Protein backbone atom coordinates (compact mmCIF):
# COMPACT_ATOMS: atom_id res chain seq x y z
CA MET A 1 -1.15 -86.83 -45.93
CA LYS A 2 -1.24 -83.34 -44.40
CA GLN A 3 -3.98 -82.34 -46.85
CA SER A 4 -6.05 -85.32 -45.73
CA ILE A 5 -5.67 -84.31 -42.07
CA VAL A 6 -6.79 -80.74 -42.84
CA THR A 7 -9.75 -82.07 -44.81
CA ILE A 8 -10.71 -84.35 -41.94
CA LEU A 9 -10.45 -81.46 -39.45
CA LEU A 10 -12.57 -79.16 -41.62
CA LEU A 11 -15.13 -81.90 -42.09
CA GLY A 12 -15.17 -82.47 -38.36
CA LEU A 13 -15.69 -78.80 -37.66
CA THR A 14 -18.45 -78.62 -40.25
CA LEU A 15 -20.20 -81.65 -38.83
CA SER A 16 -19.81 -80.27 -35.32
CA LEU A 17 -21.30 -76.91 -36.36
CA TRP A 18 -24.13 -78.61 -38.21
CA SER A 19 -24.76 -80.81 -35.20
CA GLN A 20 -25.17 -77.73 -32.97
CA LYS A 21 -27.34 -75.94 -35.50
CA SER A 22 -29.51 -79.00 -35.95
CA LYS A 23 -30.27 -78.85 -32.25
CA VAL A 24 -31.56 -75.34 -32.75
CA MET A 25 -33.66 -76.48 -35.70
CA ALA A 26 -35.04 -79.27 -33.52
CA VAL A 27 -36.44 -76.58 -31.20
CA MET A 28 -38.95 -75.71 -33.94
CA GLN A 29 -40.38 -79.21 -33.81
CA MET A 30 -40.52 -79.10 -30.02
CA ILE A 31 -42.52 -75.87 -30.25
CA ASP A 32 -44.92 -77.47 -32.73
CA ASN A 33 -45.37 -80.38 -30.32
CA GLU A 34 -45.87 -77.98 -27.39
CA LYS A 35 -42.82 -79.33 -25.59
CA TYR A 36 -41.98 -75.88 -24.32
CA ASP A 37 -39.78 -76.86 -21.37
CA ASP A 38 -37.62 -79.10 -23.56
CA ALA A 39 -37.41 -76.37 -26.17
CA LYS A 40 -36.29 -73.86 -23.54
CA GLU A 41 -33.55 -76.17 -22.30
CA ALA A 42 -32.26 -76.73 -25.84
CA ILE A 43 -32.34 -73.07 -26.82
CA GLU A 44 -30.54 -71.94 -23.68
CA LEU A 45 -27.74 -74.40 -24.43
CA ALA A 46 -27.56 -72.99 -27.95
CA VAL A 47 -27.30 -69.44 -26.62
CA LEU A 48 -24.32 -70.51 -24.50
CA ASN A 49 -22.63 -72.58 -27.20
CA ASP A 50 -19.82 -70.86 -29.10
CA LYS A 51 -20.97 -72.32 -32.40
CA THR A 52 -24.59 -71.08 -32.19
CA SER A 53 -24.43 -68.07 -29.86
CA ARG A 54 -23.94 -65.73 -32.89
CA TRP A 55 -26.35 -67.54 -35.20
CA PRO A 56 -29.50 -65.45 -35.95
CA ARG A 57 -31.77 -68.50 -36.00
CA THR A 58 -30.88 -69.26 -32.37
CA TYR A 59 -32.54 -66.04 -31.26
CA TYR A 60 -35.36 -66.34 -33.75
CA ALA A 61 -36.13 -69.77 -32.24
CA LYS A 62 -36.02 -68.32 -28.73
CA GLY A 63 -38.36 -65.50 -29.68
CA LEU A 64 -40.70 -67.93 -31.40
CA LEU A 65 -40.73 -70.19 -28.35
CA CYS A 66 -41.59 -67.35 -25.99
CA GLN A 67 -44.28 -65.89 -28.22
CA THR A 68 -45.90 -69.21 -29.15
CA ALA A 69 -45.99 -70.43 -25.55
CA TYR A 70 -47.42 -67.10 -24.39
CA GLU A 71 -50.17 -67.16 -26.99
CA ALA A 72 -50.92 -70.78 -26.04
CA GLY A 73 -51.56 -69.67 -22.45
CA VAL A 74 -48.17 -70.58 -21.01
CA LYS A 75 -47.57 -67.03 -19.82
CA ASN A 76 -44.41 -66.11 -17.91
CA LYS A 77 -43.81 -69.75 -16.98
CA LEU A 78 -40.78 -70.19 -19.19
CA TYR A 79 -39.32 -66.76 -18.42
CA PRO A 80 -40.35 -63.80 -16.30
CA ASP A 81 -41.64 -61.15 -18.74
CA GLN A 82 -41.87 -63.82 -21.40
CA LEU A 83 -43.33 -61.59 -24.10
CA PHE A 84 -40.57 -59.02 -23.61
CA VAL A 85 -38.01 -61.82 -23.92
CA ALA A 86 -39.63 -62.71 -27.25
CA TYR A 87 -39.21 -59.12 -28.49
CA ASP A 88 -35.58 -58.88 -27.30
CA SER A 89 -34.80 -62.21 -28.96
CA TYR A 90 -36.26 -61.17 -32.30
CA GLU A 91 -34.33 -57.90 -32.13
CA LYS A 92 -31.12 -59.82 -31.45
CA ALA A 93 -31.84 -62.08 -34.42
CA LEU A 94 -32.35 -59.02 -36.64
CA GLU A 95 -29.09 -57.55 -35.41
CA LEU A 96 -27.16 -60.70 -36.35
CA ASP A 97 -29.06 -61.38 -39.59
CA VAL A 98 -26.84 -59.32 -41.88
CA ARG A 99 -28.13 -61.14 -44.98
CA GLU A 100 -31.75 -60.44 -43.93
CA ARG A 101 -32.83 -64.04 -44.35
CA LEU A 102 -35.13 -63.89 -41.32
CA HIS A 103 -36.64 -60.48 -41.86
CA THR A 104 -39.78 -61.71 -43.58
CA ALA A 105 -40.44 -64.39 -40.94
CA ILE A 106 -39.92 -61.95 -38.06
CA SER A 107 -42.08 -59.28 -39.69
CA GLN A 108 -44.97 -61.75 -39.76
CA LYS A 109 -44.44 -62.50 -36.07
CA TYR A 110 -44.23 -58.81 -35.24
CA TYR A 111 -47.81 -58.11 -36.35
CA LEU A 112 -49.01 -60.72 -33.86
CA LEU A 113 -46.56 -59.63 -31.18
CA ALA A 114 -47.77 -56.02 -31.35
CA ASN A 115 -51.33 -57.25 -30.73
CA ASP A 116 -50.08 -59.42 -27.86
CA PHE A 117 -48.46 -56.41 -26.19
CA ARG A 118 -51.55 -54.30 -26.75
CA THR A 119 -53.80 -56.92 -25.18
CA MET A 120 -51.38 -57.28 -22.27
CA GLY A 121 -51.39 -53.50 -21.75
CA GLU A 122 -55.20 -53.39 -21.70
CA GLU A 123 -55.40 -56.23 -19.18
CA LEU A 124 -52.81 -54.62 -16.90
CA TYR A 125 -54.55 -51.25 -17.16
CA LYS A 126 -57.82 -52.80 -16.01
CA LYS A 127 -55.93 -54.21 -13.02
CA ARG A 128 -54.56 -50.69 -12.35
CA GLU A 129 -51.01 -51.90 -12.86
CA TYR A 130 -50.26 -48.74 -14.78
CA LEU A 131 -46.45 -48.87 -14.94
CA GLU A 132 -46.46 -52.37 -16.44
CA SER A 133 -49.34 -51.39 -18.68
CA LEU A 134 -47.29 -48.48 -20.01
CA ARG A 135 -44.35 -50.79 -20.65
CA ALA A 136 -46.52 -53.14 -22.70
CA PHE A 137 -48.13 -50.33 -24.73
CA GLU A 138 -44.71 -48.82 -25.44
CA HIS A 139 -43.44 -52.14 -26.80
CA ALA A 140 -46.48 -52.34 -29.07
CA LEU A 141 -45.59 -48.83 -30.30
CA LEU A 142 -41.94 -49.83 -30.78
CA ILE A 143 -42.94 -52.73 -32.99
CA GLY A 144 -45.27 -50.47 -34.94
CA GLU A 145 -42.33 -48.15 -35.66
CA SER A 146 -40.18 -51.04 -36.95
CA ASP A 147 -39.04 -50.93 -40.58
CA LEU A 148 -40.40 -54.46 -40.91
CA ILE A 149 -43.97 -53.27 -40.48
CA SER A 150 -45.55 -50.82 -42.89
CA ALA A 151 -48.24 -49.42 -40.63
CA LYS A 152 -49.44 -45.92 -39.78
CA THR A 153 -49.17 -44.74 -36.20
CA ASP A 154 -52.11 -46.10 -34.23
CA THR A 155 -53.42 -43.04 -32.38
CA ASN A 156 -55.63 -45.17 -30.16
CA LEU A 157 -52.56 -47.09 -29.04
CA VAL A 158 -50.74 -43.79 -28.38
CA TYR A 159 -53.75 -42.70 -26.32
CA ASN A 160 -53.59 -45.94 -24.32
CA ALA A 161 -49.90 -45.34 -23.60
CA ALA A 162 -50.67 -41.74 -22.64
CA MET A 163 -53.36 -42.85 -20.20
CA ALA A 164 -51.10 -45.47 -18.62
CA ALA A 165 -48.34 -42.86 -18.24
CA TYR A 166 -50.84 -40.36 -16.80
CA GLU A 167 -52.27 -42.80 -14.28
CA SER A 168 -48.78 -43.87 -13.20
CA HIS A 169 -47.90 -40.17 -12.71
CA ASN A 170 -45.11 -40.42 -15.24
CA TRP A 171 -45.65 -36.83 -16.31
CA GLU A 172 -42.73 -36.72 -18.74
CA LYS A 173 -44.05 -39.60 -20.83
CA ALA A 174 -47.66 -38.51 -20.41
CA ILE A 175 -46.71 -35.11 -21.85
CA GLU A 176 -44.76 -36.77 -24.68
CA TYR A 177 -47.70 -38.86 -25.85
CA LEU A 178 -50.44 -36.33 -25.10
CA ASN A 179 -48.58 -33.57 -26.96
CA GLY A 180 -48.80 -35.57 -30.17
CA LEU A 181 -52.48 -36.25 -29.64
CA HIS A 182 -53.17 -32.61 -28.82
CA ALA A 183 -51.36 -31.49 -31.98
CA ASP A 184 -53.48 -33.92 -34.02
CA ALA A 185 -56.71 -32.76 -32.34
CA HIS A 186 -57.35 -36.29 -31.11
CA SER A 187 -59.91 -35.46 -28.41
CA THR A 188 -60.90 -32.94 -25.75
CA THR A 189 -59.81 -35.45 -23.12
CA ALA A 190 -56.28 -35.60 -24.52
CA SER A 191 -55.97 -31.81 -24.44
CA LEU A 192 -57.42 -31.58 -20.94
CA LEU A 193 -55.11 -34.26 -19.57
CA LEU A 194 -52.12 -32.63 -21.25
CA SER A 195 -52.90 -29.40 -19.43
CA VAL A 196 -53.17 -31.28 -16.13
CA ALA A 197 -49.91 -33.14 -16.83
CA TYR A 198 -48.07 -29.86 -17.42
CA LEU A 199 -49.58 -28.46 -14.24
CA GLN A 200 -48.49 -31.52 -12.24
CA SER A 201 -44.99 -31.26 -13.68
CA GLY A 202 -44.77 -27.64 -12.51
CA ASP A 203 -45.16 -25.88 -15.88
CA THR A 204 -48.18 -23.68 -15.13
CA ILE A 205 -47.61 -21.42 -18.13
CA ARG A 206 -47.72 -24.23 -20.69
CA SER A 207 -50.64 -25.81 -18.82
CA GLU A 208 -52.72 -22.69 -19.35
CA GLU A 209 -51.57 -22.29 -22.96
CA VAL A 210 -52.66 -25.84 -23.76
CA ILE A 211 -56.13 -25.43 -22.29
CA MET A 212 -56.61 -22.13 -24.14
CA GLU A 213 -55.52 -23.81 -27.37
CA GLY A 214 -58.00 -26.60 -26.65
CA VAL A 215 -60.83 -24.15 -26.00
CA GLU A 216 -60.28 -22.58 -29.43
CA LEU A 217 -59.58 -25.90 -31.16
CA TYR A 218 -62.76 -27.58 -29.91
CA GLN A 219 -64.95 -24.49 -30.23
CA TYR A 220 -65.58 -23.86 -26.55
CA GLU A 221 -66.41 -27.39 -25.51
CA ASP A 222 -67.91 -27.40 -21.99
CA SER A 223 -65.28 -29.37 -20.06
CA LEU A 224 -62.36 -27.35 -21.44
CA VAL A 225 -64.00 -23.99 -20.78
CA MET A 226 -64.96 -24.98 -17.25
CA TYR A 227 -61.47 -26.26 -16.51
CA LEU A 228 -59.92 -23.02 -17.78
CA VAL A 229 -62.27 -20.88 -15.71
CA ASN A 230 -61.64 -23.00 -12.63
CA GLN A 231 -57.87 -22.54 -13.06
CA LEU A 232 -58.27 -18.79 -13.41
CA VAL A 233 -60.55 -18.51 -10.40
CA THR A 234 -58.33 -20.76 -8.28
CA SER A 235 -55.40 -18.45 -8.98
CA GLY A 236 -57.50 -15.39 -8.07
CA ARG A 237 -57.83 -14.02 -11.63
CA MET A 238 -61.52 -13.18 -11.61
CA GLU A 239 -61.62 -10.67 -14.46
CA PRO A 240 -59.83 -13.03 -16.90
CA ALA A 241 -62.31 -15.72 -15.80
CA ILE A 242 -65.25 -13.42 -16.61
CA ASN A 243 -63.65 -12.53 -19.96
CA ALA A 244 -63.23 -16.23 -20.77
CA MET A 245 -66.91 -16.84 -19.95
CA ASP A 246 -67.97 -13.88 -22.07
CA ARG A 247 -66.07 -15.29 -25.07
CA ALA A 248 -67.61 -18.72 -24.48
CA ILE A 249 -71.10 -17.21 -24.33
CA GLU A 250 -70.46 -15.25 -27.52
CA ALA A 251 -69.35 -18.47 -29.25
CA ARG A 252 -72.20 -20.61 -27.90
CA PRO A 253 -75.01 -18.39 -26.60
CA GLU A 254 -77.41 -21.33 -26.35
CA ASN A 255 -75.32 -23.12 -23.68
CA PHE A 256 -76.88 -22.46 -20.27
CA ILE A 257 -73.82 -23.89 -18.45
CA PHE A 258 -71.71 -20.87 -19.44
CA TYR A 259 -74.23 -18.41 -17.97
CA TRP A 260 -74.42 -20.55 -14.84
CA ALA A 261 -70.64 -20.61 -14.50
CA ARG A 262 -70.35 -16.87 -15.10
CA GLY A 263 -72.94 -16.33 -12.38
CA LEU A 264 -70.84 -18.39 -9.96
CA VAL A 265 -67.76 -16.28 -10.72
CA TYR A 266 -69.70 -13.05 -10.27
CA ARG A 267 -71.10 -14.30 -6.98
CA ARG A 268 -67.60 -15.17 -5.80
CA MET A 269 -66.70 -11.55 -6.59
CA ASP A 270 -69.70 -10.46 -4.46
CA ASN A 271 -71.22 -8.92 -7.59
CA TYR A 272 -74.68 -10.30 -6.88
CA ASP A 273 -76.56 -8.17 -9.41
CA GLU A 274 -74.55 -9.57 -12.33
CA ALA A 275 -74.64 -13.05 -10.79
CA ILE A 276 -78.44 -12.98 -10.66
CA LYS A 277 -78.64 -11.78 -14.27
CA SER A 278 -76.47 -14.67 -15.42
CA PHE A 279 -78.39 -17.23 -13.35
CA LEU A 280 -81.72 -15.93 -14.68
CA LYS A 281 -80.48 -16.27 -18.27
CA ALA A 282 -79.30 -19.82 -17.53
CA ALA A 283 -82.72 -20.66 -16.06
CA GLU A 284 -84.40 -19.18 -19.11
CA LEU A 285 -82.43 -21.59 -21.31
CA CYS A 286 -82.87 -24.59 -19.01
CA HIS A 287 -85.98 -24.77 -16.84
CA ASP A 288 -85.53 -28.04 -15.00
CA ARG A 289 -82.27 -27.57 -13.06
CA PRO A 290 -82.99 -27.08 -9.34
CA LEU A 291 -79.47 -25.82 -8.64
CA LEU A 292 -80.02 -22.87 -10.97
CA TYR A 293 -82.96 -21.67 -8.90
CA TYR A 294 -81.02 -22.42 -5.73
CA HIS A 295 -78.17 -20.15 -6.85
CA ILE A 296 -80.62 -17.37 -7.71
CA GLY A 297 -82.19 -17.69 -4.27
CA LEU A 298 -78.80 -17.87 -2.58
CA SER A 299 -77.65 -14.71 -4.35
CA TYR A 300 -80.73 -12.82 -3.14
CA TYR A 301 -80.17 -14.24 0.33
CA ASN A 302 -76.57 -12.93 0.37
CA VAL A 303 -77.73 -9.47 -0.74
CA GLY A 304 -80.28 -9.53 2.09
CA ILE A 305 -77.64 -10.61 4.62
CA ASP A 306 -75.39 -7.72 3.60
CA LEU A 307 -78.26 -5.24 4.08
CA HIS A 308 -79.20 -6.84 7.38
CA GLU A 309 -75.65 -6.47 8.70
CA SER A 310 -75.47 -2.84 7.59
CA ALA A 311 -78.78 -2.17 9.36
CA LEU A 312 -77.36 -3.33 12.67
CA GLY A 313 -75.17 -0.22 12.87
CA ILE A 314 -78.05 2.22 12.28
CA THR A 315 -79.44 3.98 15.36
CA GLU A 316 -82.09 6.17 13.69
CA ASN A 317 -85.40 4.26 13.78
CA ASP A 318 -86.95 5.45 10.51
CA GLU A 319 -83.79 4.69 8.54
CA TYR A 320 -83.49 1.31 10.22
CA ARG A 321 -87.10 0.43 9.41
CA GLU A 322 -86.59 1.40 5.78
CA ILE A 323 -83.52 -0.80 5.37
CA ARG A 324 -85.19 -3.58 7.36
CA GLU A 325 -88.10 -3.61 4.93
CA GLN A 326 -85.64 -3.71 2.05
CA TYR A 327 -83.77 -6.76 3.25
CA LEU A 328 -87.00 -8.53 4.22
CA ASP A 329 -88.29 -7.97 0.67
CA ILE A 330 -85.07 -9.41 -0.67
CA PHE A 331 -85.42 -12.39 1.66
CA ARG A 332 -88.92 -12.94 0.29
CA GLU A 333 -87.52 -12.88 -3.24
CA ALA A 334 -84.94 -15.46 -2.15
CA VAL A 335 -87.74 -17.65 -0.77
CA LYS A 336 -89.57 -17.50 -4.12
CA TRP A 337 -86.60 -18.96 -5.99
CA LEU A 338 -85.63 -21.43 -3.31
CA LYS A 339 -89.17 -22.81 -3.34
CA LYS A 340 -88.83 -23.40 -7.08
CA SER A 341 -85.63 -25.26 -6.40
CA TYR A 342 -87.25 -27.26 -3.58
CA GLU A 343 -90.16 -28.29 -5.81
CA LEU A 344 -87.71 -29.81 -8.28
CA ASP A 345 -85.47 -31.38 -5.62
CA PRO A 346 -87.39 -31.83 -2.34
CA HIS A 347 -84.66 -33.96 -0.74
CA ASN A 348 -81.75 -31.58 -1.14
CA GLU A 349 -80.50 -30.76 2.37
CA GLU A 350 -78.85 -27.48 1.38
CA ILE A 351 -82.08 -26.17 -0.16
CA ILE A 352 -84.11 -27.27 2.85
CA SER A 353 -81.64 -25.71 5.29
CA LYS A 354 -81.61 -22.34 3.51
CA LEU A 355 -85.41 -22.27 3.21
CA ASN A 356 -85.72 -23.07 6.91
CA GLN A 357 -83.39 -20.16 7.78
CA LEU A 358 -85.39 -17.76 5.67
CA TYR A 359 -88.76 -18.91 7.03
CA ASN A 360 -87.40 -18.31 10.50
CA GLN A 361 -86.00 -14.88 9.54
CA LEU A 362 -89.33 -13.86 7.99
CA GLN A 363 -91.33 -15.42 10.85
CA MET A 364 -93.22 -17.62 8.39
CA LYS A 365 -94.18 -20.16 11.04
CA GLY A 366 -96.78 -22.01 8.96
CA GLU A 367 -94.41 -22.56 6.04
CA GLN A 368 -91.65 -23.56 8.42
CA GLU A 369 -93.84 -26.15 10.15
CA SER A 370 -95.04 -27.49 6.79
CA LEU A 371 -91.43 -27.82 5.65
CA GLN A 372 -90.50 -29.70 8.82
CA GLN A 373 -93.39 -32.12 8.34
CA THR A 374 -92.31 -32.99 4.82
CA ILE A 375 -88.75 -33.85 5.88
CA ASN A 376 -89.60 -35.76 9.08
């Protein structure tokens, strides 16, 4: 009699457990029929029920519901952060699935889920919601690192995460992702942004090291060289800036930009003779850049101004006249180059203003009036 009672109790428990599990299995059919609200209600009851709260399929069903509804366009209507709930649910299912019966099914879903997160990250990035974009990209990376997926690291996805971290000013994560890209020689942009990220985080030494590594790695690519020189000049290190430009010119002597940049550094050092030499070489390599001729003219103008100011302290007439003729000749040389610049860019206000000053200084009334007519 007692044995019969025990058998009845065991049977009752088994039927009760099967009844609860069947409700979870019914969720699959609800998902197929797009009855997402009903499926949510059923799965939440299963999560709370003692008999199914530790059953792996309960969480697999919840993850499947969230992912399927999301992909069907029912986004964040069942749960806030619905796609993240899908991921957390699958992970919970894997944790409980000690016999690995669901691993194959979840691995198939993970390939799609990684793409879902990637697409979400791209959409959020376009909306400039960078923090949420980073979160989505990082989940796509997490799935890619799962043992269930045999996939190589997607460097483009890492770059997306790096950009989202950079734009959200999360310098720690930006450095983490960009460091890997820099080490793999992903792109000049990655190296440049890594240098900026270190600078923003307060590590000026590593920032400069990275940009120097990038300059060598990418064989003196323009943007990296110019950024390095700008950093050196900004910190008042003119000679190292000149040395960097000299190395860049030695590596790529055909690049007019390096001569132009070296001329700008020399001019900032008030070394106008060397500045003019560099600008002339740049103009020799590239004939159609009005700013090159403008900088040549401006350098001559500055030399003339220095002579003019020194002449003001001279009291002896003959000496004054000699220096006056010198600076007027230099002003005329400045006019020659500024006119070349003006011919290529007749609407540039800086060029027009400097020409007007020189015409006035040289008492070139006709040229000055002609210039005024063209701009009025």
